[in-house]
Amino acid sequence: MDVLYFAWVRERIGLPKETVETKAATVIELVEELRAREERYALAFSDLSALRVAVDQDLTDFDAPINGAREVAFFPPMTGG
């Protein structure tokens, strides 16, 4: 599946997108796998309250299932202005 990173999440991880193989069944399980990779991922995912997630372009929660998903995107909350 493709994992996309936006804004400061991309800056901390150093990639806009990557393809990952995962055994995760939910977004939070995917986050745990990514955190375990290396420090830059642990830093990017250290405060989940500062992140939003979309699965196949649908905004969802971190407990959402990802089985069969093609894409998971992580980004900070959007602000208006």
N, C-alpha and C. Protein backbone atom coordinates (compact mmCIF):
# COMPACT_ATOMS: atom_id res chain seq x y z
N MET A 1 0.84 -1.17 0.00
CA MET A 1 0.00 0.00 0.00
C MET A 1 0.88 1.23 0.00
N ASP A 2 0.36 2.31 -0.55
CA ASP A 2 1.09 3.57 -0.54
C ASP A 2 0.77 4.32 0.75
N VAL A 3 1.80 4.88 1.35
CA VAL A 3 1.64 5.72 2.54
C VAL A 3 2.13 7.11 2.16
N LEU A 4 1.27 8.09 2.33
CA LEU A 4 1.58 9.47 1.95
C LEU A 4 1.72 10.32 3.20
N TYR A 5 2.69 11.24 3.14
CA TYR A 5 2.96 12.14 4.26
C TYR A 5 2.87 13.58 3.76
N PHE A 6 2.20 14.44 4.52
CA PHE A 6 2.02 15.82 4.11
C PHE A 6 2.51 16.78 5.19
N ALA A 7 2.90 17.98 4.75
CA ALA A 7 3.31 19.09 5.61
C ALA A 7 4.48 18.68 6.52
N TRP A 8 4.40 18.99 7.81
CA TRP A 8 5.52 18.70 8.70
C TRP A 8 5.75 17.21 8.89
N VAL A 9 4.74 16.37 8.64
CA VAL A 9 4.95 14.92 8.73
C VAL A 9 5.97 14.51 7.66
N ARG A 10 5.79 15.02 6.45
CA ARG A 10 6.73 14.75 5.36
C ARG A 10 8.12 15.26 5.70
N GLU A 11 8.18 16.46 6.28
CA GLU A 11 9.47 17.04 6.64
C GLU A 11 10.21 16.17 7.66
N ARG A 12 9.51 15.66 8.65
CA ARG A 12 10.15 14.85 9.69
C ARG A 12 10.60 13.49 9.17
N ILE A 13 9.79 12.90 8.30
CA ILE A 13 10.13 11.58 7.77
C ILE A 13 11.11 11.70 6.61
N GLY A 14 11.00 12.78 5.85
CA GLY A 14 11.92 12.99 4.74
C GLY A 14 11.45 12.39 3.42
N LEU A 15 10.19 11.97 3.38
CA LEU A 15 9.62 11.39 2.17
C LEU A 15 8.20 11.90 1.99
N PRO A 16 7.79 12.12 0.74
CA PRO A 16 6.39 12.48 0.52
C PRO A 16 5.49 11.25 0.43
N LYS A 17 6.09 10.12 0.04
CA LYS A 17 5.30 8.91 -0.21
C LYS A 17 6.23 7.70 -0.21
N GLU A 18 5.70 6.57 0.24
CA GLU A 18 6.44 5.32 0.12
C GLU A 18 5.46 4.17 0.03
N THR A 19 5.91 3.10 -0.56
CA THR A 19 5.11 1.89 -0.64
C THR A 19 5.59 0.96 0.46
N VAL A 20 4.65 0.49 1.29
CA VAL A 20 5.01 -0.38 2.41
C VAL A 20 4.23 -1.69 2.33
N GLU A 21 4.87 -2.72 2.79
CA GLU A 21 4.18 -4.00 3.00
C GLU A 21 3.93 -4.08 4.49
N THR A 22 2.70 -4.39 4.85
CA THR A 22 2.33 -4.38 6.26
C THR A 22 1.43 -5.56 6.60
N LYS A 23 1.50 -5.94 7.84
CA LYS A 23 0.59 -6.96 8.38
C LYS A 23 -0.50 -6.28 9.23
N ALA A 24 -0.46 -4.96 9.29
CA ALA A 24 -1.39 -4.19 10.11
C ALA A 24 -2.82 -4.34 9.60
N ALA A 25 -3.74 -4.44 10.55
CA ALA A 25 -5.16 -4.52 10.21
C ALA A 25 -5.86 -3.17 10.37
N THR A 26 -5.24 -2.27 11.13
CA THR A 26 -5.82 -0.96 11.38
C THR A 26 -4.76 0.12 11.18
N VAL A 27 -5.20 1.36 11.12
CA VAL A 27 -4.28 2.48 10.97
C VAL A 27 -3.31 2.51 12.16
N ILE A 28 -3.81 2.35 13.38
CA ILE A 28 -2.93 2.44 14.55
C ILE A 28 -1.87 1.34 14.53
N GLU A 29 -2.20 0.17 14.03
CA GLU A 29 -1.20 -0.90 13.91
C GLU A 29 -0.14 -0.52 12.87
N LEU A 30 -0.56 0.13 11.79
CA LEU A 30 0.40 0.62 10.80
C LEU A 30 1.31 1.67 11.42
N VAL A 31 0.74 2.58 12.19
CA VAL A 31 1.53 3.60 12.87
C VAL A 31 2.57 2.94 13.78
N GLU A 32 2.18 1.91 14.52
CA GLU A 32 3.13 1.22 15.40
C GLU A 32 4.26 0.59 14.60
N GLU A 33 3.95 -0.01 13.46
CA GLU A 33 5.00 -0.57 12.60
C GLU A 33 5.94 0.52 12.12
N LEU A 34 5.38 1.64 11.70
CA LEU A 34 6.21 2.74 11.21
C LEU A 34 7.07 3.33 12.33
N ARG A 35 6.50 3.51 13.50
CA ARG A 35 7.26 4.04 14.65
C ARG A 35 8.47 3.17 14.96
N ALA A 36 8.31 1.87 14.80
CA ALA A 36 9.38 0.93 15.14
C ALA A 36 10.51 0.94 14.12
N ARG A 37 10.29 1.53 12.97
CA ARG A 37 11.31 1.54 11.91
C ARG A 37 12.57 2.27 12.33
N GLU A 38 12.40 3.52 12.71
CA GLU A 38 13.53 4.35 13.10
C GLU A 38 13.05 5.63 13.76
N GLU A 39 13.97 6.41 14.28
CA GLU A 39 13.65 7.58 15.09
C GLU A 39 12.81 8.62 14.35
N ARG A 40 13.08 8.84 13.07
CA ARG A 40 12.33 9.88 12.35
C ARG A 40 10.84 9.56 12.28
N TYR A 41 10.49 8.28 12.17
CA TYR A 41 9.08 7.89 12.19
C TYR A 41 8.51 8.03 13.60
N ALA A 42 9.28 7.63 14.59
CA ALA A 42 8.83 7.76 15.98
C ALA A 42 8.54 9.23 16.30
N LEU A 43 9.39 10.12 15.82
CA LEU A 43 9.19 11.55 16.04
C LEU A 43 7.93 12.04 15.32
N ALA A 44 7.77 11.65 14.08
CA ALA A 44 6.61 12.10 13.29
C ALA A 44 5.29 11.63 13.88
N PHE A 45 5.29 10.45 14.48
CA PHE A 45 4.06 9.88 15.04
C PHE A 45 4.02 9.92 16.56
N SER A 46 4.77 10.83 17.16
CA SER A 46 4.83 10.88 18.63
C SER A 46 3.56 11.42 19.26
N ASP A 47 2.84 12.28 18.55
CA ASP A 47 1.61 12.88 19.10
C ASP A 47 0.49 12.71 18.08
N LEU A 48 -0.26 11.65 18.19
CA LEU A 48 -1.32 11.36 17.22
C LEU A 48 -2.45 12.37 17.28
N SER A 49 -2.59 13.09 18.39
CA SER A 49 -3.65 14.10 18.46
C SER A 49 -3.36 15.27 17.51
N ALA A 50 -2.12 15.37 17.04
CA ALA A 50 -1.73 16.43 16.10
C ALA A 50 -1.81 15.96 14.65
N LEU A 51 -2.35 14.77 14.43
CA LEU A 51 -2.43 14.20 13.09
C LEU A 51 -3.85 13.83 12.71
N ARG A 52 -4.08 13.83 11.42
CA ARG A 52 -5.31 13.29 10.84
C ARG A 52 -4.89 12.20 9.87
N VAL A 53 -5.83 11.33 9.55
CA VAL A 53 -5.51 10.22 8.65
C VAL A 53 -6.67 10.02 7.67
N ALA A 54 -6.31 9.63 6.47
CA ALA A 54 -7.31 9.27 5.46
C ALA A 54 -6.92 7.92 4.87
N VAL A 55 -7.91 7.06 4.69
CA VAL A 55 -7.71 5.76 4.06
C VAL A 55 -8.45 5.81 2.72
N ASP A 56 -7.71 5.58 1.66
CA ASP A 56 -8.27 5.68 0.30
C ASP A 56 -9.05 6.99 0.12
N GLN A 57 -8.45 8.07 0.60
CA GLN A 57 -8.93 9.44 0.47
C GLN A 57 -10.20 9.75 1.27
N ASP A 58 -10.55 8.88 2.22
CA ASP A 58 -11.66 9.15 3.13
C ASP A 58 -11.12 9.42 4.53
N LEU A 59 -11.41 10.60 5.07
CA LEU A 59 -10.98 10.94 6.42
C LEU A 59 -11.56 9.93 7.41
N THR A 60 -10.71 9.43 8.31
CA THR A 60 -11.14 8.39 9.23
C THR A 60 -10.40 8.49 10.54
N ASP A 61 -10.61 7.52 11.43
CA ASP A 61 -9.94 7.47 12.73
C ASP A 61 -8.78 6.48 12.69
N PHE A 62 -7.95 6.55 13.72
CA PHE A 62 -6.78 5.68 13.78
C PHE A 62 -7.14 4.21 14.04
N ASP A 63 -8.38 3.95 14.46
CA ASP A 63 -8.77 2.55 14.67
C ASP A 63 -9.45 1.96 13.42
N ALA A 64 -9.44 2.71 12.33
CA ALA A 64 -10.08 2.26 11.09
C ALA A 64 -9.33 1.07 10.47
N PRO A 65 -10.05 0.14 9.88
CA PRO A 65 -9.40 -0.98 9.21
C PRO A 65 -8.70 -0.53 7.93
N ILE A 66 -7.61 -1.20 7.59
CA ILE A 66 -6.89 -0.87 6.36
C ILE A 66 -6.74 -2.09 5.45
N ASN A 67 -7.39 -3.19 5.79
CA ASN A 67 -7.31 -4.36 4.93
C ASN A 67 -7.86 -4.01 3.55
N GLY A 68 -7.09 -4.26 2.52
CA GLY A 68 -7.51 -3.98 1.16
C GLY A 68 -7.34 -2.54 0.73
N ALA A 69 -6.88 -1.68 1.63
CA ALA A 69 -6.68 -0.27 1.27
C ALA A 69 -5.50 -0.13 0.31
N ARG A 70 -5.61 0.83 -0.57
CA ARG A 70 -4.51 1.12 -1.49
C ARG A 70 -3.64 2.26 -1.00
N GLU A 71 -4.23 3.13 -0.14
CA GLU A 71 -3.51 4.33 0.26
C GLU A 71 -3.92 4.77 1.67
N VAL A 72 -2.91 5.15 2.46
CA VAL A 72 -3.13 5.76 3.76
C VAL A 72 -2.33 7.06 3.77
N ALA A 73 -2.98 8.15 4.14
CA ALA A 73 -2.32 9.45 4.15
C ALA A 73 -2.36 10.05 5.56
N PHE A 74 -1.23 10.64 5.96
CA PHE A 74 -1.12 11.28 7.26
C PHE A 74 -0.84 12.76 7.06
N PHE A 75 -1.53 13.63 7.81
CA PHE A 75 -1.36 15.06 7.66
C PHE A 75 -1.84 15.76 8.92
N PRO A 76 -1.35 16.98 9.16
CA PRO A 76 -1.83 17.75 10.31
C PRO A 76 -3.23 18.28 10.03
N PRO A 77 -3.96 18.65 11.07
CA PRO A 77 -5.29 19.23 10.87
C PRO A 77 -5.20 20.45 9.96
N MET A 78 -6.19 20.64 9.15
CA MET A 78 -6.21 21.80 8.26
C MET A 78 -6.85 22.98 8.99
N THR A 79 -6.34 24.14 8.70
CA THR A 79 -6.91 25.33 9.30
C THR A 79 -7.44 26.24 8.21
N GLY A 80 -8.44 26.97 8.55
CA GLY A 80 -9.03 27.89 7.59
C GLY A 80 -8.35 29.25 7.67
N GLY A 81 -8.71 30.10 6.75
CA GLY A 81 -8.11 31.41 6.85
C GLY A 81 -8.40 32.25 5.66
